[in-house]
Structure formats: C-alpha cells, structure tokens
Amino acid sequence: MSTAPFPSPEALREALRPIEDPELDLSIVALGLVRDIDTYPETGRTHVRLTLTSPFCPLGPEIVKAVEDKCLEQEGVAHADVELVWEPPWDPRRDADEDVKALLGLWD
C-alpha cells in the first residue's frame, strides 16, 4: 500500500484539462468529454469514463492514451483505466461548459 497522497477525482479532472480534442482544439474537460472519474487510493488505481464527440473519431485512441498517460503522471497513481462510454451521446448543448458553448455559438 502506497503512502503517497492520492489525487481526488476533482484534481484528476483538472490534470486532464490541458488535453485537447484535436479536431476542435478545445479541452476535453471543457467539452464535457470526461464523464466521471473514480479513484481507488488503496490500490493506486483510477477509472475514467470518457466519451468522444463521435464514435467515429479517428483520433479516439490518441485521446484515450493521453488521458491514461496524464493520470499515470499524477503522484500515487499506479494504474489508469480509461473506459469509452457512448450513452448518453455527447451533446455540446448539455455537456460543454459555458465558455465552450459560447465559442461554438450555442445559446440556450
């Protein structure tokens, strides 16, 4: 068992913020692509549920790898599971933060 501090789900979400969707050049966190993060400090494991803007995204494997790598860079994280989820489908009107909605020209 590790004695290193383990990042919270919120800290991991912030660590993932610099990762951008290559097609939109916007943060995957701001886009709402990071659905959920579970942490298991006792085992040094994280589990990230991630979606993509489209199931046909050709750069999906690169985004998944970037998320995994960024999680593993965090102190105390020994293993990172990244699960692609498709339900509900990504919808920027629902999932993106307000700044991204404004950039995309989406208003309620």
C-alpha atoms as a PDB file:
ATOM      1  CA  MET A   1       0.000   0.000   0.000  1.00  0.00           C
ATOM      2  CA  SER A   2       1.330   3.399  -1.012  1.00  0.00           C
ATOM      3  CA  THR A   3       1.724   6.252   1.447  1.00  0.00           C
ATOM      4  CA  ALA A   4       1.891   8.856  -1.337  1.00  0.00           C
ATOM      5  CA  PRO A   5      -1.009  11.308  -1.458  1.00  0.00           C
ATOM      6  CA  PHE A   6      -3.592  10.231  -3.964  1.00  0.00           C
ATOM      7  CA  PRO A   7      -5.340  12.747  -6.218  1.00  0.00           C
ATOM      8  CA  SER A   8      -9.053  13.327  -5.794  1.00  0.00           C
ATOM      9  CA  PRO A   9     -11.392  12.941  -8.770  1.00  0.00           C
ATOM     10  CA  GLU A  10     -11.521  16.758  -8.954  1.00  0.00           C
ATOM     11  CA  ALA A  11      -7.707  17.011  -9.014  1.00  0.00           C
ATOM     12  CA  LEU A  12      -7.540  14.400 -11.769  1.00  0.00           C
ATOM     13  CA  ARG A  13     -10.182  16.274 -13.767  1.00  0.00           C
ATOM     14  CA  GLU A  14      -8.046  19.426 -13.506  1.00  0.00           C
ATOM     15  CA  ALA A  15      -4.947  17.457 -14.544  1.00  0.00           C
ATOM     16  CA  LEU A  16      -6.845  16.326 -17.668  1.00  0.00           C
ATOM     17  CA  ARG A  17      -7.935  19.875 -18.580  1.00  0.00           C
ATOM     18  CA  PRO A  18      -4.892  20.601 -20.842  1.00  0.00           C
ATOM     19  CA  ILE A  19      -5.715  17.621 -23.095  1.00  0.00           C
ATOM     20  CA  GLU A  20      -7.481  18.922 -26.182  1.00  0.00           C
ATOM     21  CA  ASP A  21      -9.771  17.333 -28.679  1.00  0.00           C
ATOM     22  CA  PRO A  22      -7.557  17.537 -31.784  1.00  0.00           C
ATOM     23  CA  GLU A  23     -10.403  18.384 -34.136  1.00  0.00           C
ATOM     24  CA  LEU A  24     -11.906  21.178 -32.045  1.00  0.00           C
ATOM     25  CA  ASP A  25      -8.709  22.361 -30.302  1.00  0.00           C
ATOM     26  CA  LEU A  26     -10.652  22.622 -27.047  1.00  0.00           C
ATOM     27  CA  SER A  27     -10.141  20.957 -23.682  1.00  0.00           C
ATOM     28  CA  ILE A  28     -11.750  17.540 -23.306  1.00  0.00           C
ATOM     29  CA  VAL A  29     -12.826  18.631 -19.815  1.00  0.00           C
ATOM     30  CA  ALA A  30     -14.402  21.875 -21.040  1.00  0.00           C
ATOM     31  CA  LEU A  31     -16.139  19.955 -23.817  1.00  0.00           C
ATOM     32  CA  GLY A  32     -17.641  17.617 -21.225  1.00  0.00           C
ATOM     33  CA  LEU A  33     -15.994  14.519 -22.665  1.00  0.00           C
ATOM     34  CA  VAL A  34     -14.740  13.371 -19.245  1.00  0.00           C
ATOM     35  CA  ARG A  35     -17.930  11.840 -17.866  1.00  0.00           C
ATOM     36  CA  ASP A  36     -16.789  10.539 -14.492  1.00  0.00           C
ATOM     37  CA  ILE A  37     -13.675   9.670 -12.523  1.00  0.00           C
ATOM     38  CA  ASP A  38     -13.416   7.095  -9.747  1.00  0.00           C
ATOM     39  CA  THR A  39     -10.321   6.732  -7.606  1.00  0.00           C
ATOM     40  CA  TYR A  40      -9.145   3.786  -5.576  1.00  0.00           C
ATOM     41  CA  PRO A  41      -6.263   5.057  -3.416  1.00  0.00           C
ATOM     42  CA  GLU A  42      -5.848   1.702  -1.669  1.00  0.00           C
ATOM     43  CA  THR A  43      -4.843   0.102  -4.985  1.00  0.00           C
ATOM     44  CA  GLY A  44      -3.364   3.152  -6.736  1.00  0.00           C
ATOM     45  CA  ARG A  45      -5.984   2.869  -9.467  1.00  0.00           C
ATOM     46  CA  THR A  46      -8.141   5.376 -11.308  1.00  0.00           C
ATOM     47  CA  HIS A  47     -11.080   4.735 -13.598  1.00  0.00           C
ATOM     48  CA  VAL A  48     -12.050   7.430 -16.086  1.00  0.00           C
ATOM     49  CA  ARG A  49     -15.246   7.237 -18.116  1.00  0.00           C
ATOM     50  CA  LEU A  50     -14.693   9.205 -21.285  1.00  0.00           C
ATOM     51  CA  THR A  51     -16.772   9.865 -24.355  1.00  0.00           C
ATOM     52  CA  LEU A  52     -15.794  11.371 -27.686  1.00  0.00           C
ATOM     53  CA  THR A  53     -17.541  13.888 -29.892  1.00  0.00           C
ATOM     54  CA  SER A  54     -18.321  10.991 -32.236  1.00  0.00           C
ATOM     55  CA  PRO A  55     -17.927   7.205 -32.066  1.00  0.00           C
ATOM     56  CA  PHE A  56     -16.149   7.545 -35.414  1.00  0.00           C
ATOM     57  CA  CYS A  57     -13.498   9.963 -34.111  1.00  0.00           C
ATOM     58  CA  PRO A  58     -10.301   8.841 -35.866  1.00  0.00           C
ATOM     59  CA  LEU A  59      -8.143  10.238 -33.056  1.00  0.00           C
ATOM     60  CA  GLY A  60     -10.011   8.438 -30.273  1.00  0.00           C
ATOM     61  CA  PRO A  61      -7.113   6.095 -29.455  1.00  0.00           C
ATOM     62  CA  GLU A  62      -4.748   9.069 -29.087  1.00  0.00           C
ATOM     63  CA  ILE A  63      -7.150  10.859 -26.741  1.00  0.00           C
ATOM     64  CA  VAL A  64      -7.588   7.716 -24.626  1.00  0.00           C
ATOM     65  CA  LYS A  65      -3.799   7.283 -24.429  1.00  0.00           C
ATOM     66  CA  ALA A  66      -3.305  10.950 -23.456  1.00  0.00           C
ATOM     67  CA  VAL A  67      -5.866  10.565 -20.636  1.00  0.00           C
ATOM     68  CA  GLU A  68      -4.208   7.380 -19.423  1.00  0.00           C
ATOM     69  CA  ASP A  69      -0.733   8.936 -19.549  1.00  0.00           C
ATOM     70  CA  LYS A  70      -1.846  12.100 -17.734  1.00  0.00           C
ATOM     71  CA  CYS A  71      -3.445  10.044 -14.958  1.00  0.00           C
ATOM     72  CA  LEU A  72      -0.289   7.968 -14.565  1.00  0.00           C
ATOM     73  CA  GLU A  73       1.776  11.165 -14.211  1.00  0.00           C
ATOM     74  CA  GLN A  74      -0.100  12.008 -11.008  1.00  0.00           C
ATOM     75  CA  GLU A  75       1.573  11.117  -7.739  1.00  0.00           C
ATOM     76  CA  GLY A  76       0.281   7.865  -6.276  1.00  0.00           C
ATOM     77  CA  VAL A  77      -1.462   6.656  -9.447  1.00  0.00           C
ATOM     78  CA  ALA A  78      -0.088   3.283 -10.490  1.00  0.00           C
ATOM     79  CA  HIS A  79      -2.807   2.160 -12.885  1.00  0.00           C
ATOM     80  CA  ALA A  80      -5.300   4.093 -15.014  1.00  0.00           C
ATOM     81  CA  ASP A  81      -8.331   2.534 -16.681  1.00  0.00           C
ATOM     82  CA  VAL A  82      -9.967   4.628 -19.384  1.00  0.00           C
ATOM     83  CA  GLU A  83     -13.372   3.392 -20.469  1.00  0.00           C
ATOM     84  CA  LEU A  84     -15.066   4.805 -23.551  1.00  0.00           C
ATOM     85  CA  VAL A  85     -18.785   5.295 -22.988  1.00  0.00           C
ATOM     86  CA  TRP A  86     -21.387   6.249 -25.560  1.00  0.00           C
ATOM     87  CA  GLU A  87     -24.559   6.725 -23.522  1.00  0.00           C
ATOM     88  CA  PRO A  88     -25.750   9.339 -23.427  1.00  0.00           C
ATOM     89  CA  PRO A  89     -24.266  10.534 -26.719  1.00  0.00           C
ATOM     90  CA  TRP A  90     -22.160  13.679 -26.393  1.00  0.00           C
ATOM     91  CA  ASP A  91     -24.214  16.824 -26.881  1.00  0.00           C
ATOM     92  CA  PRO A  92     -22.373  20.148 -26.531  1.00  0.00           C
ATOM     93  CA  ARG A  93     -25.602  21.891 -25.524  1.00  0.00           C
ATOM     94  CA  ARG A  94     -25.776  19.667 -22.444  1.00  0.00           C
ATOM     95  CA  ASP A  95     -22.174  18.637 -21.798  1.00  0.00           C
ATOM     96  CA  ALA A  96     -19.885  21.547 -22.660  1.00  0.00           C
ATOM     97  CA  ASP A  97     -19.120  24.315 -20.200  1.00  0.00           C
ATOM     98  CA  GLU A  98     -20.486  27.810 -20.797  1.00  0.00           C
ATOM     99  CA  ASP A  99     -17.273  29.173 -22.365  1.00  0.00           C
ATOM    100  CA  VAL A 100     -17.197  26.355 -24.925  1.00  0.00           C
ATOM    101  CA  LYS A 101     -20.878  26.812 -25.708  1.00  0.00           C
ATOM    102  CA  ALA A 102     -20.181  30.497 -26.431  1.00  0.00           C
ATOM    103  CA  LEU A 103     -17.186  29.615 -28.634  1.00  0.00           C
ATOM    104  CA  LEU A 104     -19.331  27.137 -30.572  1.00  0.00           C
ATOM    105  CA  GLY A 105     -22.168  29.649 -30.893  1.00  0.00           C
ATOM    106  CA  LEU A 106     -24.576  27.618 -28.756  1.00  0.00           C
ATOM    107  CA  TRP A 107     -27.017  29.553 -26.615  1.00  0.00           C
ATOM    108  CA  ASP A 108     -29.937  28.259 -24.594  1.00  0.00           C
END
